[in-house]
Amino acid sequence: MNLDDVKKKWDYHERDVAASVEMWDSMADEFAEFEMPTKENSFLIKMIAEKNLISKEGSILDVGCGAGKYSFALSDACHQVTGLDLSPKMIEKANEKKSELGKENIEFYVNDWHASDLASMGYKGKFDLVIANMTPAVRNARTFLKLNEASKGHCVLTKPIKRKDPVSDAIRKMLDIADKKESADIEVLYALELLWLQGMLPEMHYEEQLWEMKKPIEAAYKLYTNRMKSYRGLTPEEETKIRDYLVAIAEDGLVAENVETTIVTICWKV
């Protein structure tokens, strides 16, 4: 395949922006309560440090930054960090944390990476390091290639592969959309092919993880319905089926889900 072939194949359109914003807004409080990543507890931070991907004079773009977890963790290693996220609530929490920590070299902006025009933003070739860590902001060839366009040094992408979400998978099956997955297996393959076809030599690392989650029924209902709406619209009857299912599996008013996944980290020089 050539570049155009891959771009045509990796072309994600199924996207309800309002549902995505509502879903991520609903998780902002949870995301704001984080342990600061370090070289000891985060492979991403360790790799960036060991490979000298950033300097004290350098700049970082954090695409899909959430509540700013990695923006804050990397801020002491560089001159400037810019964090972007689709969720206004995530950016609100990030700015609250920024004030709390007194970090003056970080700027956070509400941004839809899918719709961003890097030229008009002044972002083309601007950043020494561009990271996209576990974010749906990168879901097709166009949003992936924007990482390269914004960088003048290195890029790092992390994605979940071989992912099993028992609750989400059951709901998808119930709605006859079992082929829609949170796992990014095919996306990683397309990303690697795009890099190889451009003569780049990406490095990869794998890390198995287990995420244990518990949410009150109403919060779980909001999460799962909005997640499904990101694939397609739901009828009132389907939304009722989701609620009934969550009530049926809840224990003591909480919906539990243990997600098994492997995190792949891809690093390359632009």
C-alpha atoms as a PDB file:
ATOM      1  CA  MET A   1       0.000   0.000   0.000  1.00  0.00           C
ATOM      2  CA  ASN A   2       1.029   3.609  -0.472  1.00  0.00           C
ATOM      3  CA  LEU A   3       0.262   6.615   1.733  1.00  0.00           C
ATOM      4  CA  ASP A   4      -3.024   7.389   0.001  1.00  0.00           C
ATOM      5  CA  ASP A   5      -4.199   3.788   0.416  1.00  0.00           C
ATOM      6  CA  VAL A   6      -3.574   3.881   4.180  1.00  0.00           C
ATOM      7  CA  LYS A   7      -5.245   7.283   4.527  1.00  0.00           C
ATOM      8  CA  LYS A   8      -8.360   5.933   2.813  1.00  0.00           C
ATOM      9  CA  LYS A   9      -8.471   2.816   4.997  1.00  0.00           C
ATOM     10  CA  TRP A  10      -7.820   4.661   8.273  1.00  0.00           C
ATOM     11  CA  ASP A  11     -10.702   7.092   8.007  1.00  0.00           C
ATOM     12  CA  TYR A  12     -12.826   7.340  11.174  1.00  0.00           C
ATOM     13  CA  HIS A  13     -16.057   9.317  10.800  1.00  0.00           C
ATOM     14  CA  GLU A  14     -18.443   7.910  13.432  1.00  0.00           C
ATOM     15  CA  ARG A  15     -18.276  10.695  15.964  1.00  0.00           C
ATOM     16  CA  ASP A  16     -20.860  12.491  18.091  1.00  0.00           C
ATOM     17  CA  VAL A  17     -18.874  15.441  19.442  1.00  0.00           C
ATOM     18  CA  ALA A  18     -21.561  16.490  21.937  1.00  0.00           C
ATOM     19  CA  ALA A  19     -21.744  12.960  23.378  1.00  0.00           C
ATOM     20  CA  SER A  20     -17.957  12.792  23.619  1.00  0.00           C
ATOM     21  CA  VAL A  21     -17.790  16.138  25.412  1.00  0.00           C
ATOM     22  CA  GLU A  22     -20.500  15.071  27.860  1.00  0.00           C
ATOM     23  CA  MET A  23     -18.769  11.749  28.538  1.00  0.00           C
ATOM     24  CA  TRP A  24     -15.358  13.281  29.224  1.00  0.00           C
ATOM     25  CA  ASP A  25     -16.842  16.196  31.174  1.00  0.00           C
ATOM     26  CA  SER A  26     -18.527  13.643  33.437  1.00  0.00           C
ATOM     27  CA  MET A  27     -15.137  12.091  34.250  1.00  0.00           C
ATOM     28  CA  ALA A  28     -13.231  15.344  34.848  1.00  0.00           C
ATOM     29  CA  ASP A  29     -13.424  15.172  38.658  1.00  0.00           C
ATOM     30  CA  GLU A  30     -12.109  11.608  38.588  1.00  0.00           C
ATOM     31  CA  PHE A  31      -9.269  12.469  36.195  1.00  0.00           C
ATOM     32  CA  ALA A  32      -8.275  15.478  38.306  1.00  0.00           C
ATOM     33  CA  GLU A  33      -7.421  13.184  41.229  1.00  0.00           C
ATOM     34  CA  PHE A  34      -4.174  11.703  40.000  1.00  0.00           C
ATOM     35  CA  GLU A  35      -0.799  10.563  41.251  1.00  0.00           C
ATOM     36  CA  MET A  36       1.916  12.573  39.501  1.00  0.00           C
ATOM     37  CA  PRO A  37       3.689  10.412  36.901  1.00  0.00           C
ATOM     38  CA  THR A  38       7.429   9.961  37.495  1.00  0.00           C
ATOM     39  CA  LYS A  39      10.276   7.970  35.982  1.00  0.00           C
ATOM     40  CA  GLU A  40       9.604   5.392  38.687  1.00  0.00           C
ATOM     41  CA  ASN A  41       5.889   4.818  38.022  1.00  0.00           C
ATOM     42  CA  SER A  42       5.413   5.785  34.345  1.00  0.00           C
ATOM     43  CA  PHE A  43       7.101   4.220  31.340  1.00  0.00           C
ATOM     44  CA  LEU A  44       6.250   7.294  29.242  1.00  0.00           C
ATOM     45  CA  ILE A  45       8.056   9.697  31.577  1.00  0.00           C
ATOM     46  CA  LYS A  46      10.991   7.298  31.937  1.00  0.00           C
ATOM     47  CA  MET A  47      11.344   6.885  28.169  1.00  0.00           C
ATOM     48  CA  ILE A  48      11.192  10.631  27.472  1.00  0.00           C
ATOM     49  CA  ALA A  49      13.933  11.202  30.059  1.00  0.00           C
ATOM     50  CA  GLU A  50      16.184   8.316  29.008  1.00  0.00           C
ATOM     51  CA  LYS A  51      15.965   9.146  25.300  1.00  0.00           C
ATOM     52  CA  ASN A  52      16.460  12.884  25.952  1.00  0.00           C
ATOM     53  CA  LEU A  53      13.380  13.710  23.896  1.00  0.00           C
ATOM     54  CA  ILE A  54      13.076  17.142  25.499  1.00  0.00           C
ATOM     55  CA  SER A  55      15.442  19.806  26.835  1.00  0.00           C
ATOM     56  CA  LYS A  56      15.081  22.671  29.280  1.00  0.00           C
ATOM     57  CA  GLU A  57      14.751  25.042  26.316  1.00  0.00           C
ATOM     58  CA  GLY A  58      12.237  22.866  24.477  1.00  0.00           C
ATOM     59  CA  SER A  59       8.472  22.898  24.036  1.00  0.00           C
ATOM     60  CA  ILE A  60       5.858  20.136  24.358  1.00  0.00           C
ATOM     61  CA  LEU A  61       2.390  19.731  22.870  1.00  0.00           C
ATOM     62  CA  ASP A  62       0.139  17.399  24.877  1.00  0.00           C
ATOM     63  CA  VAL A  63      -2.767  16.358  22.620  1.00  0.00           C
ATOM     64  CA  GLY A  64      -5.800  15.122  24.545  1.00  0.00           C
ATOM     65  CA  CYS A  65      -4.241  16.226  27.821  1.00  0.00           C
ATOM     66  CA  GLY A  66      -7.291  15.554  30.001  1.00  0.00           C
ATOM     67  CA  ALA A  67      -6.849  17.168  33.407  1.00  0.00           C
ATOM     68  CA  GLY A  68      -3.168  17.824  32.639  1.00  0.00           C
ATOM     69  CA  LYS A  69      -1.554  14.839  34.331  1.00  0.00           C
ATOM     70  CA  TYR A  70       1.358  14.472  31.908  1.00  0.00           C
ATOM     71  CA  SER A  71       1.600  18.171  31.110  1.00  0.00           C
ATOM     72  CA  PHE A  72       2.390  18.791  34.770  1.00  0.00           C
ATOM     73  CA  ALA A  73       4.727  15.814  35.009  1.00  0.00           C
ATOM     74  CA  LEU A  74       6.826  17.083  32.068  1.00  0.00           C
ATOM     75  CA  SER A  75       6.691  20.814  32.827  1.00  0.00           C
ATOM     76  CA  ASP A  76       9.932  20.892  34.854  1.00  0.00           C
ATOM     77  CA  ALA A  77      11.845  19.249  32.003  1.00  0.00           C
ATOM     78  CA  CYS A  78      11.113  21.914  29.384  1.00  0.00           C
ATOM     79  CA  HIS A  79      10.502  25.595  28.763  1.00  0.00           C
ATOM     80  CA  GLN A  80       6.827  25.464  27.720  1.00  0.00           C
ATOM     81  CA  VAL A  81       3.956  22.958  27.654  1.00  0.00           C
ATOM     82  CA  THR A  82       0.720  23.391  25.701  1.00  0.00           C
ATOM     83  CA  GLY A  83      -2.157  21.071  26.614  1.00  0.00           C
ATOM     84  CA  LEU A  84      -5.237  20.572  24.414  1.00  0.00           C
ATOM     85  CA  ASP A  85      -8.448  18.728  25.208  1.00  0.00           C
ATOM     86  CA  LEU A  86     -11.977  18.465  23.823  1.00  0.00           C
ATOM     87  CA  SER A  87     -13.577  18.611  27.279  1.00  0.00           C
ATOM     88  CA  PRO A  88     -14.108  22.069  28.840  1.00  0.00           C
ATOM     89  CA  LYS A  89     -14.412  20.450  32.274  1.00  0.00           C
ATOM     90  CA  MET A  90     -11.058  18.694  31.864  1.00  0.00           C
ATOM     91  CA  ILE A  91      -9.410  21.993  30.937  1.00  0.00           C
ATOM     92  CA  GLU A  92     -11.141  23.695  33.872  1.00  0.00           C
ATOM     93  CA  LYS A  93      -9.674  21.086  36.235  1.00  0.00           C
ATOM     94  CA  ALA A  94      -6.257  21.396  34.581  1.00  0.00           C
ATOM     95  CA  ASN A  95      -6.261  25.160  35.101  1.00  0.00           C
ATOM     96  CA  GLU A  96      -7.301  24.723  38.734  1.00  0.00           C
ATOM     97  CA  LYS A  97      -4.347  22.365  39.236  1.00  0.00           C
ATOM     98  CA  LYS A  98      -2.081  24.804  37.415  1.00  0.00           C
ATOM     99  CA  SER A  99      -3.000  27.555  39.891  1.00  0.00           C
ATOM    100  CA  GLU A 100      -2.594  25.175  42.807  1.00  0.00           C
ATOM    101  CA  LEU A 101       0.895  24.118  41.679  1.00  0.00           C
ATOM    102  CA  GLY A 102       1.946  27.576  40.508  1.00  0.00           C
ATOM    103  CA  LYS A 103       2.999  26.291  37.081  1.00  0.00           C
ATOM    104  CA  GLU A 104       3.513  29.326  34.847  1.00  0.00           C
ATOM    105  CA  ASN A 105       4.988  27.508  31.845  1.00  0.00           C
ATOM    106  CA  ILE A 106       1.823  25.538  30.953  1.00  0.00           C
ATOM    107  CA  GLU A 107      -1.115  26.730  28.863  1.00  0.00           C
ATOM    108  CA  PHE A 108      -4.324  24.711  28.508  1.00  0.00           C
ATOM    109  CA  TYR A 109      -6.892  25.162  25.746  1.00  0.00           C
ATOM    110  CA  VAL A 110     -10.227  23.579  24.843  1.00  0.00           C
ATOM    111  CA  ASN A 111      -9.591  22.094  21.412  1.00  0.00           C
ATOM    112  CA  ASP A 112     -11.082  19.584  18.973  1.00  0.00           C
ATOM    113  CA  TRP A 113      -7.963  18.033  17.435  1.00  0.00           C
ATOM    114  CA  HIS A 114     -10.072  16.500  14.648  1.00  0.00           C
ATOM    115  CA  ALA A 115     -11.186  19.958  13.483  1.00  0.00           C
ATOM    116  CA  SER A 116      -7.941  21.831  14.203  1.00  0.00           C
ATOM    117  CA  ASP A 117      -6.188  23.790  11.470  1.00  0.00           C
ATOM    118  CA  LEU A 118      -2.547  23.736  12.566  1.00  0.00           C
ATOM    119  CA  ALA A 119      -1.515  26.469  10.149  1.00  0.00           C
ATOM    120  CA  SER A 120      -4.029  28.979  11.495  1.00  0.00           C
ATOM    121  CA  MET A 121      -3.087  28.001  15.063  1.00  0.00           C
ATOM    122  CA  GLY A 122       0.599  28.602  14.325  1.00  0.00           C
ATOM    123  CA  TYR A 123       1.388  25.031  15.376  1.00  0.00           C
ATOM    124  CA  LYS A 124       3.084  23.688  12.235  1.00  0.00           C
ATOM    125  CA  GLY A 125       6.575  22.500  13.157  1.00  0.00           C
ATOM    126  CA  LYS A 126       6.364  24.415  16.439  1.00  0.00           C
ATOM    127  CA  PHE A 127       7.006  21.811  19.138  1.00  0.00           C
ATOM    128  CA  ASP A 128      10.106  19.820  20.035  1.00  0.00           C
ATOM    129  CA  LEU A 129       7.981  16.967  21.401  1.00  0.00           C
ATOM    130  CA  VAL A 130       4.359  16.077  20.640  1.00  0.00           C
ATOM    131  CA  ILE A 131       2.623  13.475  22.786  1.00  0.00           C
ATOM    132  CA  ALA A 132      -0.815  11.877  22.393  1.00  0.00           C
ATOM    133  CA  ASN A 133      -1.268   9.689  25.436  1.00  0.00           C
ATOM    134  CA  MET A 134      -4.292   7.361  25.559  1.00  0.00           C
ATOM    135  CA  THR A 135      -6.535   9.812  23.744  1.00  0.00           C
ATOM    136  CA  PRO A 136      -9.337   9.401  21.170  1.00  0.00           C
ATOM    137  CA  ALA A 137      -8.141  12.688  19.659  1.00  0.00           C
ATOM    138  CA  VAL A 138      -6.061  10.498  17.327  1.00  0.00           C
ATOM    139  CA  ARG A 139      -8.510   8.174  15.574  1.00  0.00           C
ATOM    140  CA  ASN A 140      -7.685   8.380  11.870  1.00  0.00           C
ATOM    141  CA  ALA A 141      -4.824   9.054   9.474  1.00  0.00           C
ATOM    142  CA  ARG A 142      -5.496  12.783   9.348  1.00  0.00           C
ATOM    143  CA  THR A 143      -5.405  13.280  13.130  1.00  0.00           C
ATOM    144  CA  PHE A 144      -2.347  11.025  13.389  1.00  0.00           C
ATOM    145  CA  LEU A 145      -0.392  12.885  10.723  1.00  0.00           C
ATOM    146  CA  LYS A 146      -1.134  16.157  12.510  1.00  0.00           C
ATOM    147  CA  LEU A 147       1.207  14.953  15.276  1.00  0.00           C
ATOM    148  CA  ASN A 148       4.049  14.932  12.739  1.00  0.00           C
ATOM    149  CA  GLU A 149       2.998  18.316  11.351  1.00  0.00           C
ATOM    150  CA  ALA A 150       3.113  19.948  14.787  1.00  0.00           C
ATOM    151  CA  SER A 151       6.518  18.487  15.681  1.00  0.00           C
ATOM    152  CA  LYS A 152      10.023  19.565  14.773  1.00  0.00           C
ATOM    153  CA  GLY A 153      11.617  16.803  16.828  1.00  0.00           C
ATOM    154  CA  HIS A 154       9.896  13.718  18.215  1.00  0.00           C
ATOM    155  CA  CYS A 155       6.400  12.300  18.684  1.00  0.00           C
ATOM    156  CA  VAL A 156       5.052   9.753  21.141  1.00  0.00           C
ATOM    157  CA  LEU A 157       1.713   7.973  20.802  1.00  0.00           C
ATOM    158  CA  THR A 158       0.230   5.552  23.343  1.00  0.00           C
ATOM    159  CA  LYS A 159      -2.825   3.408  22.619  1.00  0.00           C
ATOM    160  CA  PRO A 160      -4.661   0.480  24.251  1.00  0.00           C
ATOM    161  CA  ILE A 161      -4.544  -2.789  22.288  1.00  0.00           C
ATOM    162  CA  LYS A 162      -5.895  -6.295  22.971  1.00  0.00           C
ATOM    163  CA  ARG A 163      -8.443  -4.513  25.178  1.00  0.00           C
ATOM    164  CA  LYS A 164     -11.349  -6.270  26.886  1.00  0.00           C
ATOM    165  CA  ASP A 165     -14.121  -4.131  28.438  1.00  0.00           C
ATOM    166  CA  PRO A 166     -16.646  -6.643  29.847  1.00  0.00           C
ATOM    167  CA  VAL A 167     -19.448  -4.139  30.491  1.00  0.00           C
ATOM    168  CA  SER A 168     -18.945  -2.081  27.332  1.00  0.00           C
ATOM    169  CA  ASP A 169     -18.559  -5.244  25.254  1.00  0.00           C
ATOM    170  CA  ALA A 170     -21.847  -6.649  26.615  1.00  0.00           C
ATOM    171  CA  ILE A 171     -23.671  -3.395  25.836  1.00  0.00           C
ATOM    172  CA  ARG A 172     -22.226  -3.234  22.327  1.00  0.00           C
ATOM    173  CA  LYS A 173     -23.396  -6.811  21.707  1.00  0.00           C
ATOM    174  CA  MET A 174     -26.850  -5.911  23.047  1.00  0.00           C
ATOM    175  CA  LEU A 175     -27.006  -2.979  20.588  1.00  0.00           C
ATOM    176  CA  ASP A 176     -25.690  -5.042  17.653  1.00  0.00           C
ATOM    177  CA  ILE A 177     -22.523  -2.941  17.362  1.00  0.00           C
ATOM    178  CA  ALA A 178     -20.126  -5.579  18.695  1.00  0.00           C
ATOM    179  CA  ASP A 179     -17.649  -4.704  15.939  1.00  0.00           C
ATOM    180  CA  LYS A 180     -17.084  -1.276  17.505  1.00  0.00           C
ATOM    181  CA  LYS A 181     -14.167  -1.530  19.925  1.00  0.00           C
ATOM    182  CA  GLU A 182     -12.257   0.652  22.360  1.00  0.00           C
ATOM    183  CA  SER A 183      -9.156  -1.343  21.464  1.00  0.00           C
ATOM    184  CA  ALA A 184      -6.878   0.421  18.961  1.00  0.00           C
ATOM    185  CA  ASP A 185      -5.268  -2.668  17.383  1.00  0.00           C
ATOM    186  CA  ILE A 186      -5.941  -1.695  13.759  1.00  0.00           C
ATOM    187  CA  GLU A 187      -5.150   1.977  14.451  1.00  0.00           C
ATOM    188  CA  VAL A 188      -1.669   1.031  15.652  1.00  0.00           C
ATOM    189  CA  LEU A 189      -1.068  -0.992  12.495  1.00  0.00           C
ATOM    190  CA  TYR A 190      -2.108   1.934  10.308  1.00  0.00           C
ATOM    191  CA  ALA A 191       0.052   4.335  12.332  1.00  0.00           C
ATOM    192  CA  LEU A 192       3.119   2.131  11.920  1.00  0.00           C
ATOM    193  CA  GLU A 193       2.511   1.762   8.198  1.00  0.00           C
ATOM    194  CA  LEU A 194       2.198   5.523   7.727  1.00  0.00           C
ATOM    195  CA  LEU A 195       5.504   6.035   9.541  1.00  0.00           C
ATOM    196  CA  TRP A 196       7.317   3.311   7.602  1.00  0.00           C
ATOM    197  CA  LEU A 197       6.039   4.626   4.272  1.00  0.00           C
ATOM    198  CA  GLN A 198       7.508   8.033   5.183  1.00  0.00           C
ATOM    199  CA  GLY A 199      10.896   6.499   5.982  1.00  0.00           C
ATOM    200  CA  MET A 200      10.598   6.807   9.762  1.00  0.00           C
ATOM    201  CA  LEU A 201      11.719   4.061  12.172  1.00  0.00           C
ATOM    202  CA  PRO A 202       9.355   3.934  15.167  1.00  0.00           C
ATOM    203  CA  GLU A 203      10.296   2.241  18.425  1.00  0.00           C
ATOM    204  CA  MET A 204       7.656   0.314  20.395  1.00  0.00           C
ATOM    205  CA  HIS A 205       7.064  -0.817  23.962  1.00  0.00           C
ATOM    206  CA  TYR A 206       4.285  -2.963  25.454  1.00  0.00           C
ATOM    207  CA  GLU A 207       2.889  -2.876  28.959  1.00  0.00           C
ATOM    208  CA  GLU A 208       0.021  -5.016  30.278  1.00  0.00           C
ATOM    209  CA  GLN A 209      -2.450  -3.223  32.539  1.00  0.00           C
ATOM    210  CA  LEU A 210      -5.618  -3.943  34.507  1.00  0.00           C
ATOM    211  CA  TRP A 211      -7.976  -1.048  35.229  1.00  0.00           C
ATOM    212  CA  GLU A 212     -10.414  -1.619  38.081  1.00  0.00           C
ATOM    213  CA  MET A 213     -13.357   0.772  37.929  1.00  0.00           C
ATOM    214  CA  LYS A 214     -16.497   1.261  40.012  1.00  0.00           C
ATOM    215  CA  LYS A 215     -19.163   3.889  39.360  1.00  0.00           C
ATOM    216  CA  PRO A 216     -22.595   4.688  40.813  1.00  0.00           C
ATOM    217  CA  ILE A 217     -25.382   3.569  38.472  1.00  0.00           C
ATOM    218  CA  GLU A 218     -26.229   7.072  37.248  1.00  0.00           C
ATOM    219  CA  ALA A 219     -22.591   7.927  36.505  1.00  0.00           C
ATOM    220  CA  ALA A 220     -22.129   4.564  34.770  1.00  0.00           C
ATOM    221  CA  TYR A 221     -25.285   5.134  32.722  1.00  0.00           C
ATOM    222  CA  LYS A 222     -24.007   8.514  31.544  1.00  0.00           C
ATOM    223  CA  LEU A 223     -20.598   7.038  30.687  1.00  0.00           C
ATOM    224  CA  TYR A 224     -21.819   4.031  28.726  1.00  0.00           C
ATOM    225  CA  THR A 225     -24.650   5.763  26.864  1.00  0.00           C
ATOM    226  CA  ASN A 226     -22.356   8.553  25.725  1.00  0.00           C
ATOM    227  CA  ARG A 227     -19.700   6.023  24.755  1.00  0.00           C
ATOM    228  CA  MET A 228     -22.235   4.178  22.595  1.00  0.00           C
ATOM    229  CA  LYS A 229     -23.485   7.453  21.121  1.00  0.00           C
ATOM    230  CA  SER A 230     -19.956   8.093  19.901  1.00  0.00           C
ATOM    231  CA  TYR A 231     -20.560   5.130  17.551  1.00  0.00           C
ATOM    232  CA  ARG A 232     -24.147   5.852  16.524  1.00  0.00           C
ATOM    233  CA  GLY A 233     -27.372   7.436  17.741  1.00  0.00           C
ATOM    234  CA  LEU A 234     -29.448   5.590  20.338  1.00  0.00           C
ATOM    235  CA  THR A 235     -33.201   5.245  20.541  1.00  0.00           C
ATOM    236  CA  PRO A 236     -34.979   5.884  23.883  1.00  0.00           C
ATOM    237  CA  GLU A 237     -35.658   2.148  24.049  1.00  0.00           C
ATOM    238  CA  GLU A 238     -31.957   1.364  23.664  1.00  0.00           C
ATOM    239  CA  GLU A 239     -31.029   3.849  26.375  1.00  0.00           C
ATOM    240  CA  THR A 240     -33.556   2.152  28.664  1.00  0.00           C
ATOM    241  CA  LYS A 241     -32.003  -1.239  27.864  1.00  0.00           C
ATOM    242  CA  ILE A 242     -28.582   0.109  28.868  1.00  0.00           C
ATOM    243  CA  ARG A 243     -29.931   1.438  32.180  1.00  0.00           C
ATOM    244  CA  ASP A 244     -31.762  -1.830  32.929  1.00  0.00           C
ATOM    245  CA  TYR A 245     -28.600  -3.826  32.232  1.00  0.00           C
ATOM    246  CA  LEU A 246     -26.472  -1.643  34.504  1.00  0.00           C
ATOM    247  CA  VAL A 247     -29.050  -1.903  37.309  1.00  0.00           C
ATOM    248  CA  ALA A 248     -29.064  -5.694  36.897  1.00  0.00           C
ATOM    249  CA  ILE A 249     -25.278  -6.051  37.249  1.00  0.00           C
ATOM    250  CA  ALA A 250     -24.789  -3.413  39.952  1.00  0.00           C
ATOM    251  CA  GLU A 251     -23.815  -4.437  43.473  1.00  0.00           C
ATOM    252  CA  ASP A 252     -24.560  -2.105  46.358  1.00  0.00           C
ATOM    253  CA  GLY A 253     -25.461   0.575  43.811  1.00  0.00           C
ATOM    254  CA  LEU A 254     -22.113   0.375  42.003  1.00  0.00           C
ATOM    255  CA  VAL A 255     -21.266  -0.868  38.517  1.00  0.00           C
ATOM    256  CA  ALA A 256     -17.852  -2.547  38.444  1.00  0.00           C
ATOM    257  CA  GLU A 257     -15.714  -3.202  35.378  1.00  0.00           C
ATOM    258  CA  ASN A 258     -12.210  -4.659  35.196  1.00  0.00           C
ATOM    259  CA  VAL A 259     -10.633  -3.693  31.883  1.00  0.00           C
ATOM    260  CA  GLU A 260      -7.727  -5.799  30.628  1.00  0.00           C
ATOM    261  CA  THR A 261      -5.476  -4.169  28.053  1.00  0.00           C
ATOM    262  CA  THR A 262      -1.954  -3.826  26.738  1.00  0.00           C
ATOM    263  CA  ILE A 263      -0.611  -0.299  26.336  1.00  0.00           C
ATOM    264  CA  VAL A 264       1.604   0.220  23.310  1.00  0.00           C
ATOM    265  CA  THR A 265       3.955   3.196  23.269  1.00  0.00           C
ATOM    266  CA  ILE A 266       5.273   4.285  19.871  1.00  0.00           C
ATOM    267  CA  CYS A 267       8.116   6.804  19.657  1.00  0.00           C
ATOM    268  CA  TRP A 268       9.592   8.273  16.488  1.00  0.00           C
ATOM    269  CA  LYS A 269      11.696  11.142  15.168  1.00  0.00           C
ATOM    270  CA  VAL A 270      10.008  13.399  12.622  1.00  0.00           C
END
